[in-house]
Amino acid sequence: MRWAFIYTLDEPGLSKRVDTIGPLTCIGVPNVADAPAVARELVANGVELIELCGGFSGAGLGAVVAAVGGRVPVGAVFYGVEAAVGLSRIFPHRG
């Protein structure tokens, strides 16, 4: 099975990063908004499952799910409430 993990580089100035480890393709995207197009490309290239990093919100997950149109399963890492303080330190709110 070929699968992919999409994560956020959180650096709009960086370009997409791609690493392949056996059947796994890891793709770093500059921001969450870039992920739907990357997901469509992955599916077109034969990926059968996509996993998203914890930097994606429910809205980011929904955008990727919509982009692939049900052709492959899409999952996401989510953190419990106990991780809130640590995540806030790593990903400060940029309102």
PDB file of N, CA and C in Angstrom:
ATOM      1  N   MET A   1       0.844  -1.184   0.000  1.00  0.00           N
ATOM      2  CA  MET A   1       0.000   0.000   0.000  1.00  0.00           C
ATOM      3  C   MET A   1       0.886   1.242   0.000  1.00  0.00           C
ATOM      4  N   ARG A   2       0.563   2.175  -0.862  1.00  0.00           N
ATOM      5  CA  ARG A   2       1.249   3.467  -0.873  1.00  0.00           C
ATOM      6  C   ARG A   2       0.431   4.447  -0.057  1.00  0.00           C
ATOM      7  N   TRP A   3       1.095   5.173   0.831  1.00  0.00           N
ATOM      8  CA  TRP A   3       0.381   6.145   1.653  1.00  0.00           C
ATOM      9  C   TRP A   3       1.212   7.395   1.838  1.00  0.00           C
ATOM     10  N   ALA A   4       0.568   8.435   2.364  1.00  0.00           N
ATOM     11  CA  ALA A   4       1.251   9.719   2.519  1.00  0.00           C
ATOM     12  C   ALA A   4       0.927  10.355   3.861  1.00  0.00           C
ATOM     13  N   PHE A   5       1.890  11.108   4.350  1.00  0.00           N
ATOM     14  CA  PHE A   5       1.730  11.911   5.561  1.00  0.00           C
ATOM     15  C   PHE A   5       2.008  13.349   5.162  1.00  0.00           C
ATOM     16  N   ILE A   6       1.027  14.229   5.356  1.00  0.00           N
ATOM     17  CA  ILE A   6       1.196  15.640   5.038  1.00  0.00           C
ATOM     18  C   ILE A   6       1.342  16.403   6.349  1.00  0.00           C
ATOM     19  N   TYR A   7       2.377  17.210   6.427  1.00  0.00           N
ATOM     20  CA  TYR A   7       2.616  18.003   7.631  1.00  0.00           C
ATOM     21  C   TYR A   7       2.853  19.458   7.238  1.00  0.00           C
ATOM     22  N   THR A   8       2.737  20.348   8.201  1.00  0.00           N
ATOM     23  CA  THR A   8       2.907  21.774   7.930  1.00  0.00           C
ATOM     24  C   THR A   8       4.330  22.209   8.244  1.00  0.00           C
ATOM     25  N   LEU A   9       4.915  22.916   7.303  1.00  0.00           N
ATOM     26  CA  LEU A   9       6.219  23.528   7.527  1.00  0.00           C
ATOM     27  C   LEU A   9       6.054  24.808   8.327  1.00  0.00           C
ATOM     28  N   ASP A  10       4.862  25.390   8.257  1.00  0.00           N
ATOM     29  CA  ASP A  10       4.511  26.625   8.967  1.00  0.00           C
ATOM     30  C   ASP A  10       5.463  27.770   8.623  1.00  0.00           C
ATOM     31  N   GLU A  11       5.964  27.745   7.427  1.00  0.00           N
ATOM     32  CA  GLU A  11       6.876  28.781   6.931  1.00  0.00           C
ATOM     33  C   GLU A  11       6.436  29.131   5.516  1.00  0.00           C
ATOM     34  N   PRO A  12       5.581  30.138   5.338  1.00  0.00           N
ATOM     35  CA  PRO A  12       5.074  30.449   4.004  1.00  0.00           C
ATOM     36  C   PRO A  12       6.167  30.670   2.953  1.00  0.00           C
ATOM     37  N   GLY A  13       7.354  31.067   3.332  1.00  0.00           N
ATOM     38  CA  GLY A  13       8.428  31.294   2.379  1.00  0.00           C
ATOM     39  C   GLY A  13       9.108  30.025   1.886  1.00  0.00           C
ATOM     40  N   LEU A  14       8.883  28.910   2.572  1.00  0.00           N
ATOM     41  CA  LEU A  14       9.512  27.653   2.166  1.00  0.00           C
ATOM     42  C   LEU A  14       8.703  26.985   1.073  1.00  0.00           C
ATOM     43  N   SER A  15       9.380  26.234   0.231  1.00  0.00           N
ATOM     44  CA  SER A  15       8.656  25.467  -0.780  1.00  0.00           C
ATOM     45  C   SER A  15       8.302  24.100  -0.205  1.00  0.00           C
ATOM     46  N   LYS A  16       7.445  23.397  -0.913  1.00  0.00           N
ATOM     47  CA  LYS A  16       7.013  22.062  -0.501  1.00  0.00           C
ATOM     48  C   LYS A  16       8.240  21.156  -0.371  1.00  0.00           C
ATOM     49  N   ARG A  17       8.244  20.302   0.645  1.00  0.00           N
ATOM     50  CA  ARG A  17       9.325  19.337   0.855  1.00  0.00           C
ATOM     51  C   ARG A  17       8.750  17.933   0.697  1.00  0.00           C
ATOM     52  N   VAL A  18       9.434  17.073  -0.027  1.00  0.00           N
ATOM     53  CA  VAL A  18       8.970  15.706  -0.252  1.00  0.00           C
ATOM     54  C   VAL A  18      10.081  14.729   0.112  1.00  0.00           C
ATOM     55  N   ASP A  19       9.734  13.746   0.952  1.00  0.00           N
ATOM     56  CA  ASP A  19      10.653  12.670   1.322  1.00  0.00           C
ATOM     57  C   ASP A  19       9.911  11.351   1.162  1.00  0.00           C
ATOM     58  N   THR A  20      10.581  10.354   0.617  1.00  0.00           N
ATOM     59  CA  THR A  20       9.967   9.046   0.429  1.00  0.00           C
ATOM     60  C   THR A  20      10.744   8.012   1.233  1.00  0.00           C
ATOM     61  N   ILE A  21       9.989   7.226   1.998  1.00  0.00           N
ATOM     62  CA  ILE A  21      10.567   6.149   2.807  1.00  0.00           C
ATOM     63  C   ILE A  21       9.769   4.899   2.468  1.00  0.00           C
ATOM     64  N   GLY A  22      10.283   4.071   1.591  1.00  0.00           N
ATOM     65  CA  GLY A  22       9.538   2.892   1.151  1.00  0.00           C
ATOM     66  C   GLY A  22       8.207   3.306   0.554  1.00  0.00           C
ATOM     67  N   PRO A  23       7.102   2.751   1.070  1.00  0.00           N
ATOM     68  CA  PRO A  23       5.784   3.087   0.515  1.00  0.00           C
ATOM     69  C   PRO A  23       5.194   4.399   1.048  1.00  0.00           C
ATOM     70  N   LEU A  24       5.926   5.059   1.941  1.00  0.00           N
ATOM     71  CA  LEU A  24       5.443   6.287   2.576  1.00  0.00           C
ATOM     72  C   LEU A  24       6.047   7.514   1.906  1.00  0.00           C
ATOM     73  N   THR A  25       5.184   8.465   1.540  1.00  0.00           N
ATOM     74  CA  THR A  25       5.634   9.756   1.042  1.00  0.00           C
ATOM     75  C   THR A  25       5.270  10.797   2.093  1.00  0.00           C
ATOM     76  N   CYS A  26       6.264  11.507   2.617  1.00  0.00           N
ATOM     77  CA  CYS A  26       6.049  12.578   3.595  1.00  0.00           C
ATOM     78  C   CYS A  26       6.181  13.901   2.858  1.00  0.00           C
ATOM     79  N   ILE A  27       5.155  14.729   2.978  1.00  0.00           N
ATOM     80  CA  ILE A  27       5.164  16.013   2.286  1.00  0.00           C
ATOM     81  C   ILE A  27       4.937  17.132   3.285  1.00  0.00           C
ATOM     82  N   GLY A  28       5.888  18.046   3.337  1.00  0.00           N
ATOM     83  CA  GLY A  28       5.744  19.252   4.141  1.00  0.00           C
ATOM     84  C   GLY A  28       5.202  20.352   3.248  1.00  0.00           C
ATOM     85  N   VAL A  29       4.127  20.993   3.675  1.00  0.00           N
ATOM     86  CA  VAL A  29       3.526  22.087   2.915  1.00  0.00           C
ATOM     87  C   VAL A  29       3.740  23.395   3.674  1.00  0.00           C
ATOM     88  N   PRO A  30       3.916  24.512   2.950  1.00  0.00           N
ATOM     89  CA  PRO A  30       4.153  25.794   3.612  1.00  0.00           C
ATOM     90  C   PRO A  30       3.033  26.187   4.573  1.00  0.00           C
ATOM     91  N   ASN A  31       1.791  25.863   4.230  1.00  0.00           N
ATOM     92  CA  ASN A  31       0.671  26.124   5.147  1.00  0.00           C
ATOM     93  C   ASN A  31      -0.473  25.171   4.836  1.00  0.00           C
ATOM     94  N   VAL A  32      -1.425  25.089   5.744  1.00  0.00           N
ATOM     95  CA  VAL A  32      -2.539  24.147   5.636  1.00  0.00           C
ATOM     96  C   VAL A  32      -3.314  24.343   4.333  1.00  0.00           C
ATOM     97  N   ALA A  33      -3.431  25.562   3.867  1.00  0.00           N
ATOM     98  CA  ALA A  33      -4.200  25.844   2.650  1.00  0.00           C
ATOM     99  C   ALA A  33      -3.603  25.177   1.408  1.00  0.00           C
ATOM    100  N   ASP A  34      -2.335  24.786   1.452  1.00  0.00           N
ATOM    101  CA  ASP A  34      -1.703  24.109   0.318  1.00  0.00           C
ATOM    102  C   ASP A  34      -2.027  22.618   0.258  1.00  0.00           C
ATOM    103  N   ALA A  35      -2.515  22.053   1.338  1.00  0.00           N
ATOM    104  CA  ALA A  35      -2.699  20.605   1.439  1.00  0.00           C
ATOM    105  C   ALA A  35      -3.736  20.019   0.484  1.00  0.00           C
ATOM    106  N   PRO A  36      -4.894  20.651   0.243  1.00  0.00           N
ATOM    107  CA  PRO A  36      -5.855  20.028  -0.671  1.00  0.00           C
ATOM    108  C   PRO A  36      -5.288  19.753  -2.066  1.00  0.00           C
ATOM    109  N   ALA A  37      -4.554  20.692  -2.629  1.00  0.00           N
ATOM    110  CA  ALA A  37      -3.968  20.477  -3.958  1.00  0.00           C
ATOM    111  C   ALA A  37      -2.932  19.350  -3.917  1.00  0.00           C
ATOM    112  N   VAL A  38      -2.135  19.314  -2.842  1.00  0.00           N
ATOM    113  CA  VAL A  38      -1.142  18.244  -2.682  1.00  0.00           C
ATOM    114  C   VAL A  38      -1.852  16.896  -2.567  1.00  0.00           C
ATOM    115  N   ALA A  39      -2.936  16.848  -1.829  1.00  0.00           N
ATOM    116  CA  ALA A  39      -3.684  15.595  -1.660  1.00  0.00           C
ATOM    117  C   ALA A  39      -4.243  15.101  -2.997  1.00  0.00           C
ATOM    118  N   ARG A  40      -4.785  16.003  -3.802  1.00  0.00           N
ATOM    119  CA  ARG A  40      -5.292  15.603  -5.125  1.00  0.00           C
ATOM    120  C   ARG A  40      -4.161  15.027  -5.980  1.00  0.00           C
ATOM    121  N   GLU A  41      -3.006  15.643  -5.929  1.00  0.00           N
ATOM    122  CA  GLU A  41      -1.843  15.164  -6.680  1.00  0.00           C
ATOM    123  C   GLU A  41      -1.411  13.780  -6.197  1.00  0.00           C
ATOM    124  N   LEU A  42      -1.395  13.595  -4.889  1.00  0.00           N
ATOM    125  CA  LEU A  42      -1.023  12.292  -4.328  1.00  0.00           C
ATOM    126  C   LEU A  42      -1.961  11.192  -4.803  1.00  0.00           C
ATOM    127  N   VAL A  43      -3.257  11.455  -4.763  1.00  0.00           N
ATOM    128  CA  VAL A  43      -4.244  10.462  -5.206  1.00  0.00           C
ATOM    129  C   VAL A  43      -4.054  10.156  -6.691  1.00  0.00           C
ATOM    130  N   ALA A  44      -3.827  11.183  -7.498  1.00  0.00           N
ATOM    131  CA  ALA A  44      -3.602  10.983  -8.928  1.00  0.00           C
ATOM    132  C   ALA A  44      -2.365  10.126  -9.194  1.00  0.00           C
ATOM    133  N   ASN A  45      -1.417  10.156  -8.242  1.00  0.00           N
ATOM    134  CA  ASN A  45      -0.184   9.386  -8.381  1.00  0.00           C
ATOM    135  C   ASN A  45      -0.230   8.028  -7.681  1.00  0.00           C
ATOM    136  N   GLY A  46      -1.416   7.608  -7.236  1.00  0.00           N
ATOM    137  CA  GLY A  46      -1.582   6.260  -6.705  1.00  0.00           C
ATOM    138  C   GLY A  46      -1.541   6.073  -5.212  1.00  0.00           C
ATOM    139  N   VAL A  47      -1.495   7.156  -4.447  1.00  0.00           N
ATOM    140  CA  VAL A  47      -1.534   7.019  -2.987  1.00  0.00           C
ATOM    141  C   VAL A  47      -2.913   6.497  -2.571  1.00  0.00           C
ATOM    142  N   GLU A  48      -2.940   5.565  -1.611  1.00  0.00           N
ATOM    143  CA  GLU A  48      -4.188   4.912  -1.208  1.00  0.00           C
ATOM    144  C   GLU A  48      -4.715   5.361   0.149  1.00  0.00           C
ATOM    145  N   LEU A  49      -3.929   6.126   0.904  1.00  0.00           N
ATOM    146  CA  LEU A  49      -4.337   6.600   2.219  1.00  0.00           C
ATOM    147  C   LEU A  49      -3.524   7.848   2.533  1.00  0.00           C
ATOM    148  N   ILE A  50      -4.176   8.838   3.161  1.00  0.00           N
ATOM    149  CA  ILE A  50      -3.496  10.077   3.540  1.00  0.00           C
ATOM    150  C   ILE A  50      -3.714  10.326   5.021  1.00  0.00           C
ATOM    151  N   GLU A  51      -2.638  10.658   5.703  1.00  0.00           N
ATOM    152  CA  GLU A  51      -2.685  11.029   7.118  1.00  0.00           C
ATOM    153  C   GLU A  51      -2.169  12.461   7.238  1.00  0.00           C
ATOM    154  N   LEU A  52      -2.820  13.266   8.079  1.00  0.00           N
ATOM    155  CA  LEU A  52      -2.426  14.660   8.289  1.00  0.00           C
ATOM    156  C   LEU A  52      -1.838  14.834   9.678  1.00  0.00           C
ATOM    157  N   CYS A  53      -0.882  15.749   9.808  1.00  0.00           N
ATOM    158  CA  CYS A  53      -0.244  15.990  11.099  1.00  0.00           C
ATOM    159  C   CYS A  53      -1.187  16.747  12.041  1.00  0.00           C
ATOM    160  N   GLY A  54      -0.768  16.877  13.265  1.00  0.00           N
ATOM    161  CA  GLY A  54      -1.564  17.549  14.278  1.00  0.00           C
ATOM    162  C   GLY A  54      -1.687  19.043  14.083  1.00  0.00           C
ATOM    163  N   GLY A  55      -0.934  19.637  13.151  1.00  0.00           N
ATOM    164  CA  GLY A  55      -1.035  21.065  12.879  1.00  0.00           C
ATOM    165  C   GLY A  55      -2.269  21.441  12.071  1.00  0.00           C
ATOM    166  N   PHE A  56      -3.004  20.457  11.588  1.00  0.00           N
ATOM    167  CA  PHE A  56      -4.226  20.701  10.834  1.00  0.00           C
ATOM    168  C   PHE A  56      -5.397  20.803  11.802  1.00  0.00           C
ATOM    169  N   SER A  57      -6.288  21.708  11.537  1.00  0.00           N
ATOM    170  CA  SER A  57      -7.512  21.812  12.345  1.00  0.00           C
ATOM    171  C   SER A  57      -8.577  20.922  11.707  1.00  0.00           C
ATOM    172  N   GLY A  58      -9.733  20.901  12.307  1.00  0.00           N
ATOM    173  CA  GLY A  58     -10.848  20.189  11.707  1.00  0.00           C
ATOM    174  C   GLY A  58     -11.170  20.738  10.324  1.00  0.00           C
ATOM    175  N   ALA A  59     -11.049  22.048  10.168  1.00  0.00           N
ATOM    176  CA  ALA A  59     -11.316  22.676   8.865  1.00  0.00           C
ATOM    177  C   ALA A  59     -10.284  22.222   7.833  1.00  0.00           C
ATOM    178  N   GLY A  60      -9.020  22.120   8.236  1.00  0.00           N
ATOM    179  CA  GLY A  60      -7.985  21.643   7.318  1.00  0.00           C
ATOM    180  C   GLY A  60      -8.234  20.207   6.901  1.00  0.00           C
ATOM    181  N   LEU A  61      -8.623  19.374   7.855  1.00  0.00           N
ATOM    182  CA  LEU A  61      -8.979  17.993   7.554  1.00  0.00           C
ATOM    183  C   LEU A  61     -10.139  17.961   6.573  1.00  0.00           C
ATOM    184  N   GLY A  62     -11.168  18.761   6.849  1.00  0.00           N
ATOM    185  CA  GLY A  62     -12.344  18.792   5.969  1.00  0.00           C
ATOM    186  C   GLY A  62     -12.000  19.211   4.552  1.00  0.00           C
ATOM    187  N   ALA A  63     -11.093  20.156   4.414  1.00  0.00           N
ATOM    188  CA  ALA A  63     -10.691  20.624   3.081  1.00  0.00           C
ATOM    189  C   ALA A  63      -9.982  19.520   2.301  1.00  0.00           C
ATOM    190  N   VAL A  64      -9.143  18.743   2.979  1.00  0.00           N
ATOM    191  CA  VAL A  64      -8.445  17.647   2.305  1.00  0.00           C
ATOM    192  C   VAL A  64      -9.418  16.529   1.956  1.00  0.00           C
ATOM    193  N   VAL A  65     -10.315  16.201   2.873  1.00  0.00           N
ATOM    194  CA  VAL A  65     -11.321  15.176   2.604  1.00  0.00           C
ATOM    195  C   VAL A  65     -12.139  15.577   1.371  1.00  0.00           C
ATOM    196  N   ALA A  66     -12.569  16.824   1.309  1.00  0.00           N
ATOM    197  CA  ALA A  66     -13.343  17.301   0.161  1.00  0.00           C
ATOM    198  C   ALA A  66     -12.510  17.253  -1.119  1.00  0.00           C
ATOM    199  N   ALA A  67     -11.239  17.583  -1.015  1.00  0.00           N
ATOM    200  CA  ALA A  67     -10.376  17.620  -2.198  1.00  0.00           C
ATOM    201  C   ALA A  67     -10.202  16.251  -2.841  1.00  0.00           C
ATOM    202  N   VAL A  68     -10.152  15.199  -2.027  1.00  0.00           N
ATOM    203  CA  VAL A  68      -9.957  13.862  -2.593  1.00  0.00           C
ATOM    204  C   VAL A  68     -11.282  13.190  -2.948  1.00  0.00           C
ATOM    205  N   GLY A  69     -12.381  13.803  -2.579  1.00  0.00           N
ATOM    206  CA  GLY A  69     -13.695  13.321  -3.005  1.00  0.00           C
ATOM    207  C   GLY A  69     -14.003  11.881  -2.657  1.00  0.00           C
ATOM    208  N   GLY A  70     -13.520  11.398  -1.523  1.00  0.00           N
ATOM    209  CA  GLY A  70     -13.829  10.038  -1.094  1.00  0.00           C
ATOM    210  C   GLY A  70     -13.037   8.952  -1.811  1.00  0.00           C
ATOM    211  N   ARG A  71     -12.094   9.325  -2.643  1.00  0.00           N
ATOM    212  CA  ARG A  71     -11.318   8.315  -3.383  1.00  0.00           C
ATOM    213  C   ARG A  71     -10.356   7.546  -2.494  1.00  0.00           C
ATOM    214  N   VAL A  72      -9.886   8.183  -1.391  1.00  0.00           N
ATOM    215  CA  VAL A  72      -9.007   7.503  -0.433  1.00  0.00           C
ATOM    216  C   VAL A  72      -9.396   7.953   0.967  1.00  0.00           C
ATOM    217  N   PRO A  73      -9.140   7.119   1.977  1.00  0.00           N
ATOM    218  CA  PRO A  73      -9.386   7.563   3.346  1.00  0.00           C
ATOM    219  C   PRO A  73      -8.370   8.632   3.765  1.00  0.00           C
ATOM    220  N   VAL A  74      -8.847   9.578   4.571  1.00  0.00           N
ATOM    221  CA  VAL A  74      -7.991  10.644   5.095  1.00  0.00           C
ATOM    222  C   VAL A  74      -8.163  10.666   6.611  1.00  0.00           C
ATOM    223  N   GLY A  75      -7.067  10.590   7.328  1.00  0.00           N
ATOM    224  CA  GLY A  75      -7.101  10.652   8.783  1.00  0.00           C
ATOM    225  C   GLY A  75      -6.233  11.792   9.270  1.00  0.00           C
ATOM    226  N   ALA A  76      -6.334  12.076  10.544  1.00  0.00           N
ATOM    227  CA  ALA A  76      -5.550  13.172  11.110  1.00  0.00           C
ATOM    228  C   ALA A  76      -5.172  12.878  12.548  1.00  0.00           C
ATOM    229  N   VAL A  77      -4.031  13.412  12.949  1.00  0.00           N
ATOM    230  CA  VAL A  77      -3.574  13.337  14.338  1.00  0.00           C
ATOM    231  C   VAL A  77      -4.238  14.487  15.091  1.00  0.00           C
ATOM    232  N   PHE A  78      -4.845  14.197  16.219  1.00  0.00           N
ATOM    233  CA  PHE A  78      -5.401  15.248  17.063  1.00  0.00           C
ATOM    234  C   PHE A  78      -4.910  15.025  18.488  1.00  0.00           C
ATOM    235  N   TYR A  79      -4.741  16.109  19.212  1.00  0.00           N
ATOM    236  CA  TYR A  79      -4.211  16.048  20.563  1.00  0.00           C
ATOM    237  C   TYR A  79      -5.317  16.255  21.575  1.00  0.00           C
ATOM    238  N   GLY A  80      -5.189  15.604  22.713  1.00  0.00           N
ATOM    239  CA  GLY A  80      -6.132  15.774  23.801  1.00  0.00           C
ATOM    240  C   GLY A  80      -5.914  17.094  24.524  1.00  0.00           C
ATOM    241  N   VAL A  81      -6.846  17.457  25.363  1.00  0.00           N
ATOM    242  CA  VAL A  81      -6.804  18.715  26.089  1.00  0.00           C
ATOM    243  C   VAL A  81      -5.549  18.832  26.961  1.00  0.00           C
ATOM    244  N   GLU A  82      -5.017  17.715  27.404  1.00  0.00           N
ATOM    245  CA  GLU A  82      -3.832  17.748  28.260  1.00  0.00           C
ATOM    246  C   GLU A  82      -2.595  18.283  27.525  1.00  0.00           C
ATOM    247  N   ALA A  83      -2.640  18.316  26.207  1.00  0.00           N
ATOM    248  CA  ALA A  83      -1.515  18.818  25.422  1.00  0.00           C
ATOM    249  C   ALA A  83      -1.630  20.308  25.106  1.00  0.00           C
ATOM    250  N   ALA A  84      -2.696  20.964  25.531  1.00  0.00           N
ATOM    251  CA  ALA A  84      -2.970  22.353  25.139  1.00  0.00           C
ATOM    252  C   ALA A  84      -1.844  23.321  25.498  1.00  0.00           C
ATOM    253  N   VAL A  85      -1.313  23.228  26.690  1.00  0.00           N
ATOM    254  CA  VAL A  85      -0.267  24.172  27.118  1.00  0.00           C
ATOM    255  C   VAL A  85       0.978  24.009  26.242  1.00  0.00           C
ATOM    256  N   GLY A  86       1.410  22.796  26.049  1.00  0.00           N
ATOM    257  CA  GLY A  86       2.595  22.551  25.230  1.00  0.00           C
ATOM    258  C   GLY A  86       2.389  22.961  23.781  1.00  0.00           C
ATOM    259  N   LEU A  87       1.220  22.679  23.241  1.00  0.00           N
ATOM    260  CA  LEU A  87       0.936  23.067  21.861  1.00  0.00           C
ATOM    261  C   LEU A  87       0.881  24.578  21.709  1.00  0.00           C
ATOM    262  N   SER A  88       0.344  25.269  22.698  1.00  0.00           N
ATOM    263  CA  SER A  88       0.288  26.731  22.653  1.00  0.00           C
ATOM    264  C   SER A  88       1.686  27.340  22.647  1.00  0.00           C
ATOM    265  N   ARG A  89       2.593  26.691  23.324  1.00  0.00           N
ATOM    266  CA  ARG A  89       3.976  27.167  23.361  1.00  0.00           C
ATOM    267  C   ARG A  89       4.639  26.964  21.985  1.00  0.00           C
ATOM    268  N   ILE A  90       4.359  25.836  21.357  1.00  0.00           N
ATOM    269  CA  ILE A  90       4.961  25.517  20.055  1.00  0.00           C
ATOM    270  C   ILE A  90       4.293  26.280  18.918  1.00  0.00           C
ATOM    271  N   PHE A  91       2.959  26.369  18.965  1.00  0.00           N
ATOM    272  CA  PHE A  91       2.182  27.007  17.901  1.00  0.00           C
ATOM    273  C   PHE A  91       1.412  28.188  18.480  1.00  0.00           C
ATOM    274  N   PRO A  92       2.063  29.309  18.729  1.00  0.00           N
ATOM    275  CA  PRO A  92       1.345  30.453  19.298  1.00  0.00           C
ATOM    276  C   PRO A  92       0.238  30.935  18.344  1.00  0.00           C
ATOM    277  N   HIS A  93      -0.850  31.394  18.930  1.00  0.00           N
ATOM    278  CA  HIS A  93      -1.977  31.892  18.131  1.00  0.00           C
ATOM    279  C   HIS A  93      -1.547  33.093  17.305  1.00  0.00           C
ATOM    280  N   ARG A  94      -1.891  33.064  16.065  1.00  0.00           N
ATOM    281  CA  ARG A  94      -1.532  34.160  15.156  1.00  0.00           C
ATOM    282  C   ARG A  94      -2.808  34.771  14.597  1.00  0.00           C
ATOM    283  N   GLY A  95      -3.601  35.356  15.456  1.00  0.00           N
ATOM    284  CA  GLY A  95      -4.904  35.872  15.091  1.00  0.00           C
ATOM    285  C   GLY A  95      -4.878  37.039  14.261  1.00  0.00           C
TER     286      GLY A  95
END
